[in-house]
PDB file of N, CA and C in Angstrom:
ATOM      1  N   MET A   1       0.837  -1.181   0.000  1.00  0.00           N
ATOM      2  CA  MET A   1       0.000   0.000   0.000  1.00  0.00           C
ATOM      3  C   MET A   1       0.882   1.245   0.000  1.00  0.00           C
ATOM      4  N   ASN A   2       0.338   2.323  -0.531  1.00  0.00           N
ATOM      5  CA  ASN A   2       1.071   3.585  -0.459  1.00  0.00           C
ATOM      6  C   ASN A   2       0.358   4.523   0.506  1.00  0.00           C
ATOM      7  N   ASN A   3       0.746   5.736   0.530  1.00  0.00           N
ATOM      8  CA  ASN A   3       0.168   6.667   1.480  1.00  0.00           C
ATOM      9  C   ASN A   3      -0.864   7.599   0.851  1.00  0.00           C
ATOM     10  N   LYS A   4      -1.465   7.178  -0.263  1.00  0.00           N
ATOM     11  CA  LYS A   4      -2.536   7.923  -0.908  1.00  0.00           C
ATOM     12  C   LYS A   4      -3.853   7.223  -0.595  1.00  0.00           C
ATOM     13  N   VAL A   5      -4.829   8.004  -0.107  1.00  0.00           N
ATOM     14  CA  VAL A   5      -6.099   7.458   0.351  1.00  0.00           C
ATOM     15  C   VAL A   5      -7.243   8.031  -0.481  1.00  0.00           C
ATOM     16  N   TYR A   6      -8.142   7.148  -0.918  1.00  0.00           N
ATOM     17  CA  TYR A   6      -9.359   7.572  -1.609  1.00  0.00           C
ATOM     18  C   TYR A   6     -10.354   8.069  -0.567  1.00  0.00           C
ATOM     19  N   VAL A   7     -10.969   9.224  -0.841  1.00  0.00           N
ATOM     20  CA  VAL A   7     -11.987   9.777   0.045  1.00  0.00           C
ATOM     21  C   VAL A   7     -13.236  10.007  -0.799  1.00  0.00           C
ATOM     22  N   GLY A   8     -14.317   9.305  -0.474  1.00  0.00           N
ATOM     23  CA  GLY A   8     -15.536   9.396  -1.267  1.00  0.00           C
ATOM     24  C   GLY A   8     -16.710   9.961  -0.502  1.00  0.00           C
ATOM     25  N   ASN A   9     -17.828  10.057  -1.213  1.00  0.00           N
ATOM     26  CA  ASN A   9     -19.088  10.555  -0.654  1.00  0.00           C
ATOM     27  C   ASN A   9     -18.966  11.976  -0.125  1.00  0.00           C
ATOM     28  N   LEU A  10     -18.190  12.797  -0.814  1.00  0.00           N
ATOM     29  CA  LEU A  10     -18.054  14.197  -0.437  1.00  0.00           C
ATOM     30  C   LEU A  10     -19.217  14.991  -1.023  1.00  0.00           C
ATOM     31  N   THR A  11     -19.485  16.152  -0.449  1.00  0.00           N
ATOM     32  CA  THR A  11     -20.493  17.029  -1.029  1.00  0.00           C
ATOM     33  C   THR A  11     -19.847  17.850  -2.135  1.00  0.00           C
ATOM     34  N   GLU A  12     -20.669  18.404  -3.023  1.00  0.00           N
ATOM     35  CA  GLU A  12     -20.143  19.199  -4.129  1.00  0.00           C
ATOM     36  C   GLU A  12     -19.422  20.451  -3.658  1.00  0.00           C
ATOM     37  N   ASP A  13     -19.740  20.910  -2.454  1.00  0.00           N
ATOM     38  CA  ASP A  13     -19.112  22.133  -1.965  1.00  0.00           C
ATOM     39  C   ASP A  13     -17.858  21.888  -1.124  1.00  0.00           C
ATOM     40  N   THR A  14     -17.419  20.638  -1.010  1.00  0.00           N
ATOM     41  CA  THR A  14     -16.180  20.324  -0.295  1.00  0.00           C
ATOM     42  C   THR A  14     -15.000  20.902  -1.065  1.00  0.00           C
ATOM     43  N   THR A  15     -14.078  21.527  -0.339  1.00  0.00           N
ATOM     44  CA  THR A  15     -12.910  22.141  -0.974  1.00  0.00           C
ATOM     45  C   THR A  15     -11.627  21.417  -0.565  1.00  0.00           C
ATOM     46  N   ASP A  16     -10.546  21.708  -1.283  1.00  0.00           N
ATOM     47  CA  ASP A  16      -9.231  21.186  -0.915  1.00  0.00           C
ATOM     48  C   ASP A  16      -8.905  21.572   0.526  1.00  0.00           C
ATOM     49  N   SER A  17      -9.210  22.799   0.866  1.00  0.00           N
ATOM     50  CA  SER A  17      -8.937  23.308   2.205  1.00  0.00           C
ATOM     51  C   SER A  17      -9.703  22.520   3.272  1.00  0.00           C
ATOM     52  N   ASP A  18     -10.960  22.172   2.988  1.00  0.00           N
ATOM     53  CA  ASP A  18     -11.758  21.359   3.920  1.00  0.00           C
ATOM     54  C   ASP A  18     -11.074  20.025   4.177  1.00  0.00           C
ATOM     55  N   LEU A  19     -10.585  19.400   3.115  1.00  0.00           N
ATOM     56  CA  LEU A  19      -9.940  18.099   3.240  1.00  0.00           C
ATOM     57  C   LEU A  19      -8.608  18.198   3.973  1.00  0.00           C
ATOM     58  N   LYS A  20      -7.851  19.240   3.675  1.00  0.00           N
ATOM     59  CA  LYS A  20      -6.586  19.438   4.388  1.00  0.00           C
ATOM     60  C   LYS A  20      -6.837  19.580   5.885  1.00  0.00           C
ATOM     61  N   HIS A  21      -7.856  20.339   6.227  1.00  0.00           N
ATOM     62  CA  HIS A  21      -8.201  20.531   7.639  1.00  0.00           C
ATOM     63  C   HIS A  21      -8.650  19.220   8.283  1.00  0.00           C
ATOM     64  N   ALA A  22      -9.455  18.440   7.573  1.00  0.00           N
ATOM     65  CA  ALA A  22      -9.977  17.179   8.111  1.00  0.00           C
ATOM     66  C   ALA A  22      -8.881  16.141   8.347  1.00  0.00           C
ATOM     67  N   PHE A  23      -7.834  16.178   7.519  1.00  0.00           N
ATOM     68  CA  PHE A  23      -6.777  15.173   7.601  1.00  0.00           C
ATOM     69  C   PHE A  23      -5.477  15.708   8.203  1.00  0.00           C
ATOM     70  N   ILE A  24      -5.498  16.897   8.757  1.00  0.00           N
ATOM     71  CA  ILE A  24      -4.265  17.519   9.253  1.00  0.00           C
ATOM     72  C   ILE A  24      -3.559  16.674  10.304  1.00  0.00           C
ATOM     73  N   GLU A  25      -4.313  16.015  11.173  1.00  0.00           N
ATOM     74  CA  GLU A  25      -3.673  15.222  12.233  1.00  0.00           C
ATOM     75  C   GLU A  25      -2.971  13.978  11.695  1.00  0.00           C
ATOM     76  N   TYR A  26      -3.233  13.620  10.444  1.00  0.00           N
ATOM     77  CA  TYR A  26      -2.596  12.450   9.840  1.00  0.00           C
ATOM     78  C   TYR A  26      -1.402  12.840   8.970  1.00  0.00           C
ATOM     79  N   GLY A  27      -1.074  14.116   8.935  1.00  0.00           N
ATOM     80  CA  GLY A  27       0.087  14.565   8.161  1.00  0.00           C
ATOM     81  C   GLY A  27      -0.194  14.682   6.681  1.00  0.00           C
ATOM     82  N   VAL A  28      -1.293  15.314   6.329  1.00  0.00           N
ATOM     83  CA  VAL A  28      -1.650  15.486   4.925  1.00  0.00           C
ATOM     84  C   VAL A  28      -0.555  16.278   4.208  1.00  0.00           C
ATOM     85  N   THR A  29      -0.143  15.761   3.038  1.00  0.00           N
ATOM     86  CA  THR A  29       0.868  16.443   2.240  1.00  0.00           C
ATOM     87  C   THR A  29       0.311  16.939   0.908  1.00  0.00           C
ATOM     88  N   ASP A  30      -0.804  16.346   0.456  1.00  0.00           N
ATOM     89  CA  ASP A  30      -1.390  16.743  -0.820  1.00  0.00           C
ATOM     90  C   ASP A  30      -2.850  16.331  -0.864  1.00  0.00           C
ATOM     91  N   VAL A  31      -3.660  17.132  -1.551  1.00  0.00           N
ATOM     92  CA  VAL A  31      -5.075  16.824  -1.765  1.00  0.00           C
ATOM     93  C   VAL A  31      -5.370  17.004  -3.247  1.00  0.00           C
ATOM     94  N   SER A  32      -6.031  16.003  -3.838  1.00  0.00           N
ATOM     95  CA  SER A  32      -6.454  16.099  -5.230  1.00  0.00           C
ATOM     96  C   SER A  32      -7.959  15.873  -5.288  1.00  0.00           C
ATOM     97  N   LEU A  33      -8.707  16.967  -5.269  1.00  0.00           N
ATOM     98  CA  LEU A  33     -10.152  16.909  -5.375  1.00  0.00           C
ATOM     99  C   LEU A  33     -10.497  16.745  -6.849  1.00  0.00           C
ATOM    100  N   VAL A  34     -11.268  15.740  -7.188  1.00  0.00           N
ATOM    101  CA  VAL A  34     -11.570  15.441  -8.583  1.00  0.00           C
ATOM    102  C   VAL A  34     -12.783  16.254  -9.018  1.00  0.00           C
ATOM    103  N   VAL A  35     -12.597  17.012 -10.106  1.00  0.00           N
ATOM    104  CA  VAL A  35     -13.671  17.851 -10.636  1.00  0.00           C
ATOM    105  C   VAL A  35     -13.903  17.540 -12.111  1.00  0.00           C
ATOM    106  N   ASP A  36     -15.111  17.808 -12.552  1.00  0.00           N
ATOM    107  CA  ASP A  36     -15.463  17.638 -13.956  1.00  0.00           C
ATOM    108  C   ASP A  36     -14.674  18.655 -14.778  1.00  0.00           C
ATOM    109  N   LYS A  37     -14.007  18.210 -15.812  1.00  0.00           N
ATOM    110  CA  LYS A  37     -13.159  19.087 -16.621  1.00  0.00           C
ATOM    111  C   LYS A  37     -13.942  20.188 -17.332  1.00  0.00           C
ATOM    112  N   GLU A  38     -15.164  19.885 -17.728  1.00  0.00           N
ATOM    113  CA  GLU A  38     -15.950  20.865 -18.474  1.00  0.00           C
ATOM    114  C   GLU A  38     -16.672  21.856 -17.576  1.00  0.00           C
ATOM    115  N   THR A  39     -17.205  21.387 -16.462  1.00  0.00           N
ATOM    116  CA  THR A  39     -18.026  22.257 -15.617  1.00  0.00           C
ATOM    117  C   THR A  39     -17.290  22.782 -14.387  1.00  0.00           C
ATOM    118  N   GLY A  40     -16.229  22.116 -13.989  1.00  0.00           N
ATOM    119  CA  GLY A  40     -15.520  22.506 -12.781  1.00  0.00           C
ATOM    120  C   GLY A  40     -16.216  22.090 -11.497  1.00  0.00           C
ATOM    121  N   VAL A  41     -17.292  21.324 -11.618  1.00  0.00           N
ATOM    122  CA  VAL A  41     -18.051  20.865 -10.453  1.00  0.00           C
ATOM    123  C   VAL A  41     -17.403  19.605  -9.887  1.00  0.00           C
ATOM    124  N   SER A  42     -17.342  19.541  -8.581  1.00  0.00           N
ATOM    125  CA  SER A  42     -16.745  18.388  -7.910  1.00  0.00           C
ATOM    126  C   SER A  42     -17.469  17.103  -8.282  1.00  0.00           C
ATOM    127  N   LYS A  43     -16.695  16.042  -8.442  1.00  0.00           N
ATOM    128  CA  LYS A  43     -17.274  14.717  -8.665  1.00  0.00           C
ATOM    129  C   LYS A  43     -17.478  13.983  -7.340  1.00  0.00           C
ATOM    130  N   CYS A  44     -17.295  14.708  -6.240  1.00  0.00           N
ATOM    131  CA  CYS A  44     -17.583  14.229  -4.879  1.00  0.00           C
ATOM    132  C   CYS A  44     -16.644  13.136  -4.388  1.00  0.00           C
ATOM    133  N   PHE A  45     -15.408  13.137  -4.912  1.00  0.00           N
ATOM    134  CA  PHE A  45     -14.383  12.275  -4.343  1.00  0.00           C
ATOM    135  C   PHE A  45     -13.018  12.920  -4.537  1.00  0.00           C
ATOM    136  N   ALA A  46     -12.066  12.419  -3.755  1.00  0.00           N
ATOM    137  CA  ALA A  46     -10.719  13.001  -3.794  1.00  0.00           C
ATOM    138  C   ALA A  46      -9.698  11.943  -3.415  1.00  0.00           C
ATOM    139  N   PHE A  47      -8.440  12.286  -3.604  1.00  0.00           N
ATOM    140  CA  PHE A  47      -7.321  11.475  -3.138  1.00  0.00           C
ATOM    141  C   PHE A  47      -6.491  12.346  -2.217  1.00  0.00           C
ATOM    142  N   VAL A  48      -6.226  11.840  -1.024  1.00  0.00           N
ATOM    143  CA  VAL A  48      -5.456  12.571  -0.029  1.00  0.00           C
ATOM    144  C   VAL A  48      -4.151  11.812   0.200  1.00  0.00           C
ATOM    145  N   THR A  49      -3.036  12.499   0.062  1.00  0.00           N
ATOM    146  CA  THR A  49      -1.733  11.892   0.302  1.00  0.00           C
ATOM    147  C   THR A  49      -1.277  12.277   1.703  1.00  0.00           C
ATOM    148  N   LEU A  50      -0.853  11.271   2.461  1.00  0.00           N
ATOM    149  CA  LEU A  50      -0.425  11.477   3.830  1.00  0.00           C
ATOM    150  C   LEU A  50       1.063  11.197   3.962  1.00  0.00           C
ATOM    151  N   GLU A  51       1.648  11.642   5.087  1.00  0.00           N
ATOM    152  CA  GLU A  51       3.096  11.560   5.269  1.00  0.00           C
ATOM    153  C   GLU A  51       3.663  10.154   5.116  1.00  0.00           C
ATOM    154  N   ASP A  52       2.963   9.159   5.647  1.00  0.00           N
ATOM    155  CA  ASP A  52       3.486   7.798   5.555  1.00  0.00           C
ATOM    156  C   ASP A  52       2.360   6.776   5.577  1.00  0.00           C
ATOM    157  N   GLU A  53       2.740   5.540   5.369  1.00  0.00           N
ATOM    158  CA  GLU A  53       1.786   4.439   5.270  1.00  0.00           C
ATOM    159  C   GLU A  53       0.999   4.232   6.566  1.00  0.00           C
ATOM    160  N   ASP A  54       1.666   4.351   7.711  1.00  0.00           N
ATOM    161  CA  ASP A  54       0.972   4.189   8.989  1.00  0.00           C
ATOM    162  C   ASP A  54      -0.116   5.248   9.157  1.00  0.00           C
ATOM    163  N   ALA A  55       0.179   6.475   8.775  1.00  0.00           N
ATOM    164  CA  ALA A  55      -0.808   7.549   8.858  1.00  0.00           C
ATOM    165  C   ALA A  55      -1.989   7.255   7.940  1.00  0.00           C
ATOM    166  N   ALA A  56      -1.718   6.690   6.769  1.00  0.00           N
ATOM    167  CA  ALA A  56      -2.795   6.341   5.838  1.00  0.00           C
ATOM    168  C   ALA A  56      -3.707   5.273   6.441  1.00  0.00           C
ATOM    169  N   TYR A  57      -3.128   4.251   7.045  1.00  0.00           N
ATOM    170  CA  TYR A  57      -3.937   3.221   7.704  1.00  0.00           C
ATOM    171  C   TYR A  57      -4.776   3.818   8.827  1.00  0.00           C
ATOM    172  N   ASP A  58      -4.160   4.669   9.649  1.00  0.00           N
ATOM    173  CA  ASP A  58      -4.881   5.298  10.759  1.00  0.00           C
ATOM    174  C   ASP A  58      -6.041   6.143  10.234  1.00  0.00           C
ATOM    175  N   ALA A  59      -5.791   6.922   9.206  1.00  0.00           N
ATOM    176  CA  ALA A  59      -6.829   7.768   8.632  1.00  0.00           C
ATOM    177  C   ALA A  59      -7.986   6.936   8.096  1.00  0.00           C
ATOM    178  N   MET A  60      -7.681   5.852   7.395  1.00  0.00           N
ATOM    179  CA  MET A  60      -8.742   5.006   6.844  1.00  0.00           C
ATOM    180  C   MET A  60      -9.597   4.417   7.951  1.00  0.00           C
ATOM    181  N   GLU A  61      -8.977   3.947   9.014  1.00  0.00           N
ATOM    182  CA  GLU A  61      -9.726   3.356  10.118  1.00  0.00           C
ATOM    183  C   GLU A  61     -10.556   4.385  10.866  1.00  0.00           C
ATOM    184  N   GLU A  62      -9.954   5.516  11.169  1.00  0.00           N
ATOM    185  CA  GLU A  62     -10.605   6.500  12.026  1.00  0.00           C
ATOM    186  C   GLU A  62     -11.569   7.417  11.288  1.00  0.00           C
ATOM    187  N   MET A  63     -11.370   7.633   9.992  1.00  0.00           N
ATOM    188  CA  MET A  63     -12.222   8.546   9.242  1.00  0.00           C
ATOM    189  C   MET A  63     -13.336   7.830   8.476  1.00  0.00           C
ATOM    190  N   ASP A  64     -13.312   6.523   8.440  1.00  0.00           N
ATOM    191  CA  ASP A  64     -14.339   5.763   7.716  1.00  0.00           C
ATOM    192  C   ASP A  64     -15.718   6.078   8.301  1.00  0.00           C
ATOM    193  N   GLY A  65     -16.605   6.574   7.458  1.00  0.00           N
ATOM    194  CA  GLY A  65     -17.969   6.870   7.869  1.00  0.00           C
ATOM    195  C   GLY A  65     -18.166   8.226   8.506  1.00  0.00           C
ATOM    196  N   VAL A  66     -17.105   9.015   8.645  1.00  0.00           N
ATOM    197  CA  VAL A  66     -17.228  10.350   9.248  1.00  0.00           C
ATOM    198  C   VAL A  66     -17.870  11.287   8.229  1.00  0.00           C
ATOM    199  N   HIS A  67     -18.769  12.102   8.711  1.00  0.00           N
ATOM    200  CA  HIS A  67     -19.441  13.079   7.822  1.00  0.00           C
ATOM    201  C   HIS A  67     -18.979  14.459   8.129  1.00  0.00           C
TER     202      HIS A  67
END
């Protein structure tokens, strides 16, 4: 496994900044919010890169189902 985590079921108004704030305790290093190329509207999922593999595992366990 690597330290990139899929984050789904986001709202259309979720921003990169929201995700950085939500994952800050896990050592977030990058956020890639996926948006429609033509409309710029969020596709309601993202990939969050964390400092290391252990942080990624912790984030997946602790953030699963959080709204």
